[in-house]
Amino acid sequence: MAKNTRSAAFRKIDVDEFNEDNYKDEEPAELQSPISGPDEKEVIQLINQGKAIEALKNCLTNAPLGSKSQQVKDSATSVTLRVLMSIKSSQIEEAVQSLDSDQADVLMKYIYRGFEAPTEGSSAHLLSWHEKTFAVGGVGSIVRVLTDKKRV
C-alpha cells in the first residue's frame, strides 16, 4: 500500500518554465521590424494642398504601432496632431466617416495621446474629434484602445 515517495519520476513538468519572471511575450514578426511612421514632408505637402483628410489617412495607416522607439512615436504623434488641428471643426465628421474601423481605432489612440500633453486650444478641438470618432466607433473603439498593448 505504501508508495515510493523518494522517486521523482512523477515530475514531468518543469515549473520554473512557467515562472512569470521568466515569461517573454512573443511578438509577431511584423512588429519586430523597425517602423518609421508617417513621412512628415509628405503629410505637410498634403495639408498645404488642401488634402487634409488624405494626410490624416496617411498618418493613421503609417502609425508606428509596433515600434519600440519612443522618439519615432513622439514624432508621429506630433505630425498627426498637427493634421488633426489643421482640419476645421466642420470637416471633422466627414473625415471620420471616411475612415475604416482600424483607422478609427488608431485615431482614437492619437486623440488620447493628445489629451496627455495638451497645447493651447487643442483640448476643445480634440474633444470634437473624440465625439465624432466615438459616434462612428462606439464604446468598442474606446475599449480596444485602452486595452491594446500597442501604443502610439
N, C-alpha and C. Protein backbone atom coordinates (compact mmCIF):
# COMPACT_ATOMS: atom_id res chain seq x y z
N MET A 1 0.79 -1.19 0.00
CA MET A 1 0.00 0.00 0.00
C MET A 1 0.84 1.26 0.00
N ALA A 2 1.98 1.20 0.58
CA ALA A 2 2.83 2.38 0.61
C ALA A 2 3.51 2.58 -0.74
N LYS A 3 3.56 3.82 -1.17
CA LYS A 3 4.21 4.15 -2.43
C LYS A 3 5.62 4.65 -2.16
N ASN A 4 6.46 4.51 -3.14
CA ASN A 4 7.82 5.00 -3.02
C ASN A 4 7.79 6.53 -3.15
N THR A 5 7.94 7.26 -2.08
CA THR A 5 7.87 8.72 -2.09
C THR A 5 9.21 9.37 -2.42
N ARG A 6 10.24 8.58 -2.50
CA ARG A 6 11.55 9.12 -2.81
C ARG A 6 11.78 9.21 -4.32
N SER A 7 10.92 8.68 -5.09
CA SER A 7 11.07 8.69 -6.53
C SER A 7 10.57 10.03 -7.10
N ALA A 8 11.29 10.57 -8.00
CA ALA A 8 10.91 11.83 -8.65
C ALA A 8 10.41 11.59 -10.07
N ALA A 9 10.11 10.38 -10.41
CA ALA A 9 9.69 10.04 -11.76
C ALA A 9 8.34 10.66 -12.12
N PHE A 10 7.52 10.98 -11.12
CA PHE A 10 6.20 11.55 -11.39
C PHE A 10 6.28 13.02 -11.82
N ARG A 11 7.40 13.62 -11.64
CA ARG A 11 7.56 15.03 -12.01
C ARG A 11 8.01 15.11 -13.46
N LYS A 12 7.09 15.51 -14.31
CA LYS A 12 7.39 15.60 -15.74
C LYS A 12 7.34 17.03 -16.25
N ILE A 13 6.88 17.96 -15.42
CA ILE A 13 6.75 19.36 -15.84
C ILE A 13 7.78 20.19 -15.09
N ASP A 14 8.46 21.03 -15.84
CA ASP A 14 9.41 21.96 -15.24
C ASP A 14 8.63 23.21 -14.85
N VAL A 15 8.33 23.38 -13.56
CA VAL A 15 7.51 24.50 -13.11
C VAL A 15 8.24 25.83 -13.23
N ASP A 16 9.56 25.82 -13.24
CA ASP A 16 10.32 27.06 -13.41
C ASP A 16 10.10 27.67 -14.79
N GLU A 17 9.70 26.85 -15.73
CA GLU A 17 9.43 27.34 -17.08
C GLU A 17 8.24 28.30 -17.11
N PHE A 18 7.34 28.14 -16.16
CA PHE A 18 6.13 28.96 -16.14
C PHE A 18 6.20 30.10 -15.13
N ASN A 19 7.36 30.38 -14.60
CA ASN A 19 7.56 31.48 -13.68
C ASN A 19 7.32 32.79 -14.43
N GLU A 20 6.54 33.69 -13.86
CA GLU A 20 6.20 34.95 -14.52
C GLU A 20 7.43 35.80 -14.80
N ASP A 21 8.44 35.68 -13.97
CA ASP A 21 9.64 36.47 -14.19
C ASP A 21 10.39 36.02 -15.43
N ASN A 22 10.22 34.77 -15.81
CA ASN A 22 10.91 34.22 -16.97
C ASN A 22 10.07 34.30 -18.23
N TYR A 23 8.82 34.68 -18.13
CA TYR A 23 7.90 34.67 -19.26
C TYR A 23 8.20 35.81 -20.22
N LYS A 24 8.30 35.50 -21.49
CA LYS A 24 8.50 36.50 -22.54
C LYS A 24 7.34 36.40 -23.51
N ASP A 25 6.64 37.49 -23.69
CA ASP A 25 5.52 37.51 -24.63
C ASP A 25 6.08 37.56 -26.04
N GLU A 26 5.71 36.60 -26.86
CA GLU A 26 6.22 36.56 -28.22
C GLU A 26 5.50 37.58 -29.08
N GLU A 27 6.27 38.34 -29.85
CA GLU A 27 5.71 39.33 -30.74
C GLU A 27 5.71 38.78 -32.16
N PRO A 28 4.68 39.12 -32.92
CA PRO A 28 4.69 38.69 -34.32
C PRO A 28 5.88 39.28 -35.06
N ALA A 29 6.31 38.60 -36.12
CA ALA A 29 7.48 39.04 -36.88
C ALA A 29 7.28 40.41 -37.49
N GLU A 30 6.02 40.75 -37.84
CA GLU A 30 5.77 42.05 -38.46
C GLU A 30 6.01 43.21 -37.51
N LEU A 31 5.89 42.96 -36.19
CA LEU A 31 6.11 44.03 -35.23
C LEU A 31 7.58 44.20 -34.86
N GLN A 32 8.41 43.23 -35.21
CA GLN A 32 9.81 43.32 -34.86
C GLN A 32 10.60 44.18 -35.84
N SER A 33 10.06 44.44 -37.00
CA SER A 33 10.76 45.29 -37.96
C SER A 33 10.61 46.75 -37.56
N PRO A 34 11.62 47.56 -37.83
CA PRO A 34 11.53 48.97 -37.45
C PRO A 34 10.46 49.70 -38.28
N ILE A 35 9.64 50.47 -37.60
CA ILE A 35 8.57 51.22 -38.24
C ILE A 35 8.89 52.70 -38.06
N SER A 36 8.91 53.43 -39.16
CA SER A 36 9.35 54.82 -39.09
C SER A 36 8.22 55.81 -38.93
N GLY A 37 6.98 55.41 -39.15
CA GLY A 37 5.85 56.31 -39.01
C GLY A 37 5.61 57.08 -40.30
N PRO A 38 4.69 58.04 -40.25
CA PRO A 38 4.35 58.79 -41.46
C PRO A 38 5.48 59.74 -41.88
N ASP A 39 5.57 59.96 -43.18
CA ASP A 39 6.56 60.88 -43.72
C ASP A 39 6.07 62.31 -43.50
N GLU A 40 6.78 63.05 -42.67
CA GLU A 40 6.33 64.40 -42.29
C GLU A 40 6.25 65.33 -43.48
N LYS A 41 7.21 65.27 -44.38
CA LYS A 41 7.21 66.16 -45.54
C LYS A 41 6.00 65.90 -46.44
N GLU A 42 5.70 64.62 -46.64
CA GLU A 42 4.55 64.26 -47.47
C GLU A 42 3.25 64.72 -46.83
N VAL A 43 3.14 64.57 -45.52
CA VAL A 43 1.93 64.98 -44.81
C VAL A 43 1.75 66.50 -44.87
N ILE A 44 2.83 67.25 -44.66
CA ILE A 44 2.76 68.71 -44.72
C ILE A 44 2.39 69.16 -46.13
N GLN A 45 2.93 68.48 -47.14
CA GLN A 45 2.60 68.82 -48.53
C GLN A 45 1.11 68.58 -48.79
N LEU A 46 0.55 67.48 -48.28
CA LEU A 46 -0.87 67.21 -48.47
C LEU A 46 -1.74 68.26 -47.76
N ILE A 47 -1.31 68.69 -46.58
CA ILE A 47 -2.06 69.73 -45.86
C ILE A 47 -2.03 71.04 -46.65
N ASN A 48 -0.86 71.40 -47.18
CA ASN A 48 -0.73 72.64 -47.93
C ASN A 48 -1.54 72.61 -49.23
N GLN A 49 -1.76 71.43 -49.78
CA GLN A 49 -2.55 71.29 -51.00
C GLN A 49 -4.05 71.24 -50.69
N GLY A 50 -4.42 71.30 -49.43
CA GLY A 50 -5.83 71.25 -49.05
C GLY A 50 -6.38 69.84 -48.97
N LYS A 51 -5.52 68.86 -48.89
CA LYS A 51 -5.93 67.46 -48.80
C LYS A 51 -5.67 66.92 -47.40
N ALA A 52 -6.27 67.59 -46.42
CA ALA A 52 -6.02 67.25 -45.02
C ALA A 52 -6.56 65.87 -44.67
N ILE A 53 -7.66 65.45 -45.28
CA ILE A 53 -8.23 64.13 -44.98
C ILE A 53 -7.30 63.03 -45.49
N GLU A 54 -6.69 63.24 -46.65
CA GLU A 54 -5.71 62.28 -47.16
C GLU A 54 -4.47 62.25 -46.26
N ALA A 55 -4.08 63.42 -45.76
CA ALA A 55 -2.95 63.47 -44.84
C ALA A 55 -3.25 62.70 -43.56
N LEU A 56 -4.48 62.82 -43.07
CA LEU A 56 -4.89 62.09 -41.87
C LEU A 56 -4.84 60.59 -42.13
N LYS A 57 -5.36 60.15 -43.26
CA LYS A 57 -5.34 58.72 -43.60
C LYS A 57 -3.90 58.22 -43.70
N ASN A 58 -3.03 59.03 -44.27
CA ASN A 58 -1.61 58.67 -44.37
C ASN A 58 -1.02 58.47 -42.98
N CYS A 59 -1.31 59.38 -42.06
CA CYS A 59 -0.78 59.28 -40.70
C CYS A 59 -1.31 58.03 -39.99
N LEU A 60 -2.57 57.73 -40.19
CA LEU A 60 -3.18 56.61 -39.48
C LEU A 60 -2.74 55.26 -40.04
N THR A 61 -2.54 55.17 -41.34
CA THR A 61 -2.10 53.90 -41.92
C THR A 61 -0.62 53.64 -41.67
N ASN A 62 0.17 54.69 -41.48
CA ASN A 62 1.61 54.54 -41.23
C ASN A 62 1.97 54.75 -39.77
N ALA A 63 1.02 54.57 -38.87
CA ALA A 63 1.28 54.76 -37.44
C ALA A 63 2.29 53.72 -36.95
N PRO A 64 3.26 54.15 -36.15
CA PRO A 64 4.29 53.22 -35.66
C PRO A 64 3.81 52.42 -34.44
N LEU A 65 2.79 51.61 -34.62
CA LEU A 65 2.20 50.87 -33.50
C LEU A 65 3.16 49.87 -32.90
N GLY A 66 3.99 49.23 -33.71
CA GLY A 66 4.88 48.20 -33.20
C GLY A 66 6.28 48.69 -32.88
N SER A 67 6.51 49.95 -33.03
CA SER A 67 7.84 50.50 -32.82
C SER A 67 8.19 50.54 -31.34
N LYS A 68 9.44 50.25 -31.03
CA LYS A 68 9.92 50.33 -29.65
C LYS A 68 10.53 51.70 -29.36
N SER A 69 10.79 52.47 -30.40
CA SER A 69 11.44 53.77 -30.24
C SER A 69 10.42 54.84 -29.84
N GLN A 70 10.61 55.42 -28.68
CA GLN A 70 9.72 56.48 -28.22
C GLN A 70 9.86 57.73 -29.07
N GLN A 71 11.03 57.97 -29.61
CA GLN A 71 11.25 59.14 -30.46
C GLN A 71 10.42 59.04 -31.73
N VAL A 72 10.35 57.86 -32.32
CA VAL A 72 9.54 57.66 -33.53
C VAL A 72 8.06 57.88 -33.22
N LYS A 73 7.63 57.36 -32.07
CA LYS A 73 6.22 57.51 -31.67
C LYS A 73 5.89 58.98 -31.40
N ASP A 74 6.79 59.69 -30.74
CA ASP A 74 6.56 61.11 -30.45
C ASP A 74 6.51 61.93 -31.74
N SER A 75 7.38 61.62 -32.68
CA SER A 75 7.39 62.33 -33.96
C SER A 75 6.10 62.09 -34.72
N ALA A 76 5.65 60.84 -34.76
CA ALA A 76 4.40 60.51 -35.45
C ALA A 76 3.21 61.16 -34.76
N THR A 77 3.24 61.23 -33.45
CA THR A 77 2.15 61.87 -32.72
C THR A 77 2.09 63.36 -33.02
N SER A 78 3.24 64.02 -33.06
CA SER A 78 3.23 65.46 -33.33
C SER A 78 2.73 65.74 -34.75
N VAL A 79 3.11 64.91 -35.71
CA VAL A 79 2.65 65.10 -37.09
C VAL A 79 1.14 64.88 -37.16
N THR A 80 0.67 63.81 -36.53
CA THR A 80 -0.76 63.50 -36.57
C THR A 80 -1.58 64.57 -35.86
N LEU A 81 -1.11 65.05 -34.73
CA LEU A 81 -1.84 66.11 -34.02
C LEU A 81 -1.85 67.40 -34.84
N ARG A 82 -0.78 67.67 -35.59
CA ARG A 82 -0.75 68.84 -36.47
C ARG A 82 -1.84 68.71 -37.54
N VAL A 83 -2.01 67.49 -38.07
CA VAL A 83 -3.05 67.24 -39.06
C VAL A 83 -4.43 67.42 -38.44
N LEU A 84 -4.62 66.87 -37.25
CA LEU A 84 -5.92 66.99 -36.58
C LEU A 84 -6.28 68.45 -36.31
N MET A 85 -5.30 69.25 -35.93
CA MET A 85 -5.55 70.66 -35.64
C MET A 85 -5.79 71.46 -36.93
N SER A 86 -5.27 70.97 -38.05
CA SER A 86 -5.45 71.71 -39.30
C SER A 86 -6.82 71.49 -39.94
N ILE A 87 -7.49 70.45 -39.55
CA ILE A 87 -8.83 70.16 -40.10
C ILE A 87 -9.86 70.97 -39.32
N LYS A 88 -10.70 71.68 -40.03
CA LYS A 88 -11.69 72.54 -39.40
C LYS A 88 -12.78 71.70 -38.73
N SER A 89 -13.42 72.29 -37.74
CA SER A 89 -14.46 71.59 -36.99
C SER A 89 -15.60 71.11 -37.88
N SER A 90 -15.90 71.88 -38.92
CA SER A 90 -16.99 71.49 -39.82
C SER A 90 -16.63 70.30 -40.70
N GLN A 91 -15.33 70.00 -40.85
CA GLN A 91 -14.88 68.89 -41.68
C GLN A 91 -14.58 67.62 -40.89
N ILE A 92 -14.67 67.68 -39.57
CA ILE A 92 -14.30 66.54 -38.74
C ILE A 92 -15.18 65.32 -39.03
N GLU A 93 -16.49 65.54 -39.09
CA GLU A 93 -17.40 64.42 -39.30
C GLU A 93 -17.13 63.75 -40.65
N GLU A 94 -16.90 64.54 -41.68
CA GLU A 94 -16.59 63.99 -43.00
C GLU A 94 -15.30 63.16 -42.96
N ALA A 95 -14.31 63.66 -42.24
CA ALA A 95 -13.03 62.96 -42.15
C ALA A 95 -13.18 61.63 -41.42
N VAL A 96 -13.92 61.64 -40.33
CA VAL A 96 -14.10 60.42 -39.54
C VAL A 96 -14.93 59.39 -40.31
N GLN A 97 -15.93 59.86 -41.03
CA GLN A 97 -16.77 58.95 -41.80
C GLN A 97 -15.98 58.25 -42.91
N SER A 98 -14.92 58.86 -43.39
CA SER A 98 -14.14 58.29 -44.48
C SER A 98 -13.15 57.22 -44.01
N LEU A 99 -13.02 57.03 -42.69
CA LEU A 99 -12.06 56.07 -42.13
C LEU A 99 -12.69 54.70 -41.96
N ASP A 100 -11.87 53.64 -42.05
CA ASP A 100 -12.36 52.32 -41.71
C ASP A 100 -12.22 52.12 -40.20
N SER A 101 -12.66 50.97 -39.69
CA SER A 101 -12.69 50.78 -38.23
C SER A 101 -11.30 50.75 -37.62
N ASP A 102 -10.32 50.15 -38.31
CA ASP A 102 -8.95 50.13 -37.77
C ASP A 102 -8.36 51.53 -37.70
N GLN A 103 -8.59 52.32 -38.74
CA GLN A 103 -8.09 53.69 -38.74
C GLN A 103 -8.78 54.52 -37.65
N ALA A 104 -10.06 54.26 -37.41
CA ALA A 104 -10.78 54.98 -36.36
C ALA A 104 -10.20 54.64 -34.99
N ASP A 105 -9.81 53.38 -34.79
CA ASP A 105 -9.20 53.00 -33.52
C ASP A 105 -7.84 53.67 -33.33
N VAL A 106 -7.05 53.74 -34.40
CA VAL A 106 -5.76 54.41 -34.31
C VAL A 106 -5.96 55.91 -34.06
N LEU A 107 -6.98 56.48 -34.70
CA LEU A 107 -7.29 57.89 -34.46
C LEU A 107 -7.63 58.12 -33.00
N MET A 108 -8.40 57.22 -32.42
CA MET A 108 -8.76 57.35 -31.00
C MET A 108 -7.51 57.26 -30.13
N LYS A 109 -6.55 56.43 -30.51
CA LYS A 109 -5.29 56.36 -29.76
C LYS A 109 -4.57 57.70 -29.80
N TYR A 110 -4.54 58.34 -30.98
CA TYR A 110 -3.88 59.64 -31.09
C TYR A 110 -4.64 60.72 -30.33
N ILE A 111 -5.95 60.63 -30.30
CA ILE A 111 -6.74 61.61 -29.55
C ILE A 111 -6.39 61.52 -28.07
N TYR A 112 -6.35 60.30 -27.54
CA TYR A 112 -6.00 60.15 -26.13
C TYR A 112 -4.56 60.57 -25.86
N ARG A 113 -3.67 60.31 -26.81
CA ARG A 113 -2.29 60.74 -26.66
C ARG A 113 -2.21 62.27 -26.66
N GLY A 114 -3.06 62.92 -27.46
CA GLY A 114 -3.10 64.38 -27.48
C GLY A 114 -3.62 64.95 -26.17
N PHE A 115 -4.53 64.22 -25.52
CA PHE A 115 -5.04 64.65 -24.21
C PHE A 115 -3.95 64.59 -23.15
N GLU A 116 -2.96 63.71 -23.32
CA GLU A 116 -1.89 63.58 -22.33
C GLU A 116 -1.02 64.83 -22.25
N ALA A 117 -0.81 65.48 -23.37
CA ALA A 117 0.04 66.67 -23.39
C ALA A 117 -0.66 67.76 -24.20
N PRO A 118 -1.66 68.41 -23.61
CA PRO A 118 -2.41 69.41 -24.37
C PRO A 118 -1.59 70.67 -24.63
N THR A 119 -1.89 71.30 -25.76
CA THR A 119 -1.30 72.58 -26.09
C THR A 119 -2.42 73.62 -26.06
N GLU A 120 -2.07 74.85 -26.31
CA GLU A 120 -3.04 75.94 -26.27
C GLU A 120 -4.17 75.71 -27.27
N GLY A 121 -5.38 75.53 -26.79
CA GLY A 121 -6.56 75.38 -27.64
C GLY A 121 -6.76 74.00 -28.23
N SER A 122 -5.90 73.04 -27.91
CA SER A 122 -6.03 71.72 -28.53
C SER A 122 -7.10 70.86 -27.87
N SER A 123 -7.34 71.06 -26.60
CA SER A 123 -8.27 70.18 -25.88
C SER A 123 -9.69 70.26 -26.44
N ALA A 124 -10.17 71.46 -26.72
CA ALA A 124 -11.53 71.61 -27.26
C ALA A 124 -11.63 70.96 -28.64
N HIS A 125 -10.60 71.13 -29.45
CA HIS A 125 -10.62 70.54 -30.79
C HIS A 125 -10.54 69.01 -30.70
N LEU A 126 -9.72 68.51 -29.79
CA LEU A 126 -9.62 67.06 -29.60
C LEU A 126 -10.92 66.47 -29.05
N LEU A 127 -11.62 67.23 -28.22
CA LEU A 127 -12.92 66.76 -27.73
C LEU A 127 -13.92 66.63 -28.88
N SER A 128 -13.85 67.53 -29.84
CA SER A 128 -14.71 67.43 -31.02
C SER A 128 -14.36 66.18 -31.82
N TRP A 129 -13.07 65.93 -31.98
CA TRP A 129 -12.63 64.72 -32.67
C TRP A 129 -13.11 63.47 -31.92
N HIS A 130 -12.99 63.51 -30.60
CA HIS A 130 -13.41 62.36 -29.79
C HIS A 130 -14.90 62.10 -29.96
N GLU A 131 -15.69 63.14 -29.94
CA GLU A 131 -17.13 63.00 -30.08
C GLU A 131 -17.49 62.33 -31.41
N LYS A 132 -16.91 62.82 -32.50
CA LYS A 132 -17.23 62.28 -33.83
C LYS A 132 -16.68 60.86 -34.00
N THR A 133 -15.51 60.59 -33.46
CA THR A 133 -14.93 59.24 -33.57
C THR A 133 -15.72 58.26 -32.72
N PHE A 134 -16.17 58.70 -31.55
CA PHE A 134 -17.00 57.85 -30.70
C PHE A 134 -18.31 57.52 -31.38
N ALA A 135 -18.88 58.48 -32.12
CA ALA A 135 -20.13 58.24 -32.83
C ALA A 135 -19.96 57.15 -33.89
N VAL A 136 -18.78 57.05 -34.48
CA VAL A 136 -18.52 56.04 -35.50
C VAL A 136 -18.10 54.71 -34.87
N GLY A 137 -17.17 54.76 -33.93
CA GLY A 137 -16.59 53.54 -33.36
C GLY A 137 -17.33 52.98 -32.17
N GLY A 138 -18.06 53.82 -31.46
CA GLY A 138 -18.80 53.38 -30.28
C GLY A 138 -17.89 53.08 -29.10
N VAL A 139 -18.48 52.45 -28.10
CA VAL A 139 -17.75 52.12 -26.89
C VAL A 139 -16.65 51.10 -27.19
N GLY A 140 -16.91 50.23 -28.16
CA GLY A 140 -15.92 49.22 -28.52
C GLY A 140 -14.60 49.81 -28.93
N SER A 141 -14.63 50.93 -29.61
CA SER A 141 -13.40 51.60 -30.03
C SER A 141 -12.59 52.05 -28.81
N ILE A 142 -13.26 52.61 -27.84
CA ILE A 142 -12.57 53.07 -26.63
C ILE A 142 -11.98 51.88 -25.87
N VAL A 143 -12.75 50.81 -25.75
CA VAL A 143 -12.26 49.63 -25.05
C VAL A 143 -11.06 49.03 -25.76
N ARG A 144 -11.11 48.95 -27.08
CA ARG A 144 -9.97 48.42 -27.84
C ARG A 144 -8.73 49.28 -27.66
N VAL A 145 -8.91 50.58 -27.64
CA VAL A 145 -7.77 51.48 -27.48
C VAL A 145 -7.16 51.36 -26.09
N LEU A 146 -7.98 51.31 -25.07
CA LEU A 146 -7.47 51.28 -23.71
C LEU A 146 -6.87 49.93 -23.33
N THR A 147 -7.28 48.86 -23.98
CA THR A 147 -6.76 47.53 -23.65
C THR A 147 -5.65 47.05 -24.58
N ASP A 148 -5.40 47.78 -25.66
CA ASP A 148 -4.38 47.35 -26.62
C ASP A 148 -2.99 47.63 -26.06
N LYS A 149 -2.09 46.68 -26.24
CA LYS A 149 -0.72 46.84 -25.78
C LYS A 149 0.10 47.74 -26.71
N LYS A 150 -0.31 47.83 -27.96
CA LYS A 150 0.43 48.63 -28.94
C LYS A 150 0.01 50.09 -28.79
N ARG A 151 0.93 50.89 -28.34
CA ARG A 151 0.68 52.32 -28.10
C ARG A 151 1.25 53.16 -29.22
N VAL A 152 0.71 54.37 -29.34
CA VAL A 152 1.25 55.33 -30.30
C VAL A 152 2.02 56.39 -29.58
